Protein backbone atom coordinates (compact mmCIF):
# COMPACT_ATOMS: atom_id res chain seq x y z
CA MET A 1 15.92 -66.97 29.93
CA ARG A 2 12.18 -67.40 29.72
CA ASN A 3 10.59 -69.75 27.23
CA PRO A 4 9.66 -68.24 23.87
CA SER A 5 6.17 -66.78 23.79
CA ILE A 6 4.46 -65.92 20.51
CA LEU A 7 1.21 -64.11 19.79
CA LEU A 8 -0.29 -64.75 16.34
CA VAL A 9 -2.65 -62.01 15.18
CA ASP A 10 -4.17 -63.08 11.89
CA ASP A 11 -7.64 -63.86 10.51
CA ASP A 12 -6.37 -66.73 8.32
CA GLU A 13 -7.26 -69.87 10.26
CA VAL A 14 -5.14 -72.09 8.01
CA TYR A 15 -2.06 -69.89 8.59
CA ILE A 16 -2.65 -69.98 12.37
CA TYR A 17 -3.09 -73.76 12.37
CA VAL A 18 0.00 -74.41 10.24
CA THR A 19 2.16 -71.94 12.18
CA LYS A 20 1.14 -73.46 15.51
CA LYS A 21 2.02 -76.93 14.16
CA ILE A 22 5.41 -75.76 12.90
CA LEU A 23 6.21 -74.08 16.22
CA ALA A 24 5.11 -77.13 18.21
CA ASN A 25 7.40 -79.30 16.09
CA MET A 26 10.30 -76.91 16.69
CA SER A 27 10.07 -77.04 20.49
CA ASP A 28 7.72 -78.09 23.28
CA ASP A 29 8.75 -74.96 25.19
CA ILE A 30 7.21 -72.41 22.81
CA SER A 31 4.00 -70.84 24.10
CA VAL A 32 1.60 -69.73 21.35
CA LYS A 33 -1.58 -67.68 21.69
CA SER A 34 -3.65 -66.42 18.77
CA PHE A 35 -6.37 -63.94 17.91
CA ASN A 36 -8.16 -63.46 14.61
CA ASP A 37 -8.37 -59.67 14.83
CA GLY A 38 -6.27 -56.83 16.18
CA GLU A 39 -8.94 -55.61 18.58
CA ARG A 40 -8.95 -58.82 20.62
CA ALA A 41 -5.14 -58.90 20.59
CA ILE A 42 -4.96 -55.34 21.96
CA GLU A 43 -7.45 -56.27 24.70
CA PHE A 44 -5.20 -59.23 25.60
CA ILE A 45 -2.13 -56.98 25.83
CA GLN A 46 -4.06 -54.44 27.93
CA THR A 47 -5.06 -57.24 30.31
CA CYS A 48 -1.44 -58.40 30.55
CA THR A 49 -0.28 -54.90 31.44
CA GLN A 50 -3.07 -54.38 33.99
CA GLU A 51 -2.46 -57.75 35.65
CA ASN A 52 1.33 -57.48 35.27
CA THR A 53 1.49 -60.85 33.51
CA PRO A 54 4.18 -61.66 30.94
CA LEU A 55 3.71 -60.30 27.46
CA PRO A 56 4.60 -62.34 24.41
CA GLY A 57 8.17 -61.76 23.29
CA VAL A 58 7.10 -62.00 19.65
CA ILE A 59 3.96 -60.85 17.88
CA LEU A 60 3.39 -62.06 14.32
CA LEU A 61 0.93 -59.51 12.97
CA ASP A 62 -1.08 -59.60 9.74
CA ILE A 63 -2.06 -56.38 7.99
CA ASN A 64 -5.49 -57.19 6.57
CA MET A 65 -7.96 -58.30 9.25
CA PRO A 66 -11.53 -57.47 10.26
CA TYR A 67 -12.45 -55.06 13.06
CA LEU A 68 -8.94 -53.72 13.71
CA ASP A 69 -6.33 -54.34 11.03
CA GLY A 70 -2.57 -54.51 11.53
CA TRP A 71 -2.11 -50.76 11.12
CA GLY A 72 -4.82 -50.08 13.68
CA PHE A 73 -3.23 -52.60 16.03
CA LEU A 74 0.12 -50.82 15.72
CA SER A 75 -1.50 -47.44 16.46
CA GLU A 76 -3.20 -48.83 19.57
CA PHE A 77 -0.07 -50.73 20.64
CA LYS A 78 1.98 -47.53 20.37
CA LYS A 79 -0.34 -45.95 22.97
CA LEU A 80 0.37 -48.86 25.34
CA VAL A 81 4.17 -48.66 25.08
CA PRO A 82 4.56 -46.33 28.11
CA LYS A 83 2.70 -48.90 30.25
CA LEU A 84 4.95 -51.73 29.11
CA SER A 85 7.94 -50.35 31.06
CA GLU A 86 10.93 -52.57 30.40
CA ARG A 87 9.00 -55.44 28.85
CA GLU A 88 10.19 -55.89 25.28
CA VAL A 89 7.83 -57.04 22.55
CA ASN A 90 9.09 -57.72 19.03
CA ILE A 91 6.45 -57.20 16.35
CA TYR A 92 6.92 -58.80 12.96
CA MET A 93 4.49 -57.90 10.21
CA VAL A 94 3.66 -61.24 8.59
CA THR A 95 1.50 -60.66 5.56
CA SER A 96 0.81 -61.73 2.01
CA SER A 97 1.44 -58.13 0.92
CA ASN A 98 4.73 -57.55 -0.85
CA ASP A 99 3.59 -54.02 -1.70
CA PRO A 100 6.55 -51.62 -1.24
CA HIS A 101 4.13 -49.04 0.21
CA ASP A 102 3.19 -51.45 3.03
CA MET A 103 6.85 -52.26 3.66
CA GLU A 104 7.70 -48.56 3.92
CA ARG A 105 4.67 -47.86 6.11
CA ALA A 106 5.78 -50.61 8.51
CA LYS A 107 9.11 -48.80 8.94
CA GLU A 108 7.22 -45.77 10.26
CA PHE A 109 6.40 -47.75 13.42
CA GLU A 110 9.44 -48.10 15.64
CA GLN A 111 7.68 -51.01 17.35
CA VAL A 112 7.98 -53.12 14.17
CA THR A 113 11.04 -55.36 14.30
CA GLY A 114 10.66 -56.92 10.86
CA TYR A 115 8.49 -57.50 7.80
CA VAL A 116 7.92 -61.03 6.48
CA VAL A 117 5.97 -62.00 3.36
CA LYS A 118 3.89 -65.18 3.59
CA PRO A 119 4.23 -68.08 3.35
CA VAL A 120 6.39 -68.42 6.45
CA PHE A 121 8.38 -71.61 6.81
CA GLU A 122 10.18 -73.18 9.74
CA ASP A 123 13.55 -71.66 8.83
CA LYS A 124 12.13 -68.12 8.99
CA LEU A 125 10.38 -68.80 12.31
CA ALA A 126 13.64 -70.21 13.68
CA GLU A 127 15.46 -67.07 12.50
CA ILE A 128 12.92 -64.84 14.29
CA LEU A 129 13.18 -66.86 17.51
CA THR A 130 16.98 -66.76 17.35
CA ASP A 131 16.94 -62.98 16.77
CA VAL A 132 14.68 -62.42 19.77
CA TYR A 133 15.80 -65.14 22.16
CA ASP A 134 19.41 -65.60 20.97
CA GLU A 135 20.31 -69.27 20.85
CA ASN A 136 18.49 -69.97 24.10
CA TRP A 137 15.20 -71.26 22.79
């Protein structure tokens, strides 16, 4: 089992800072990378696929961001799925939006594993890691 790898895609610097701190306190083995817009995150994933480097097992994706928002990210990610082969990526929408329309729209993307309304606490992050990595993280 590989160590948990998380990609944070969110323009809220406080959320990124706090989430990184929480994850670091949970385990030294969790790898965390972050981008403040969907466009840079997609470029990172494209680079990983081109260079055949490991993809993050979990992406925590915000909806409202500059340049390329969460919906745009999902549309671009969907185009990359054929190039991912057997590499599984679990995308969780993590957003301040509790709008039922957003929740339903997220279900339209088969790449979305779950929808989480901020704030996100350690117990929810532990639940996500356990869902993705079983008990082996």
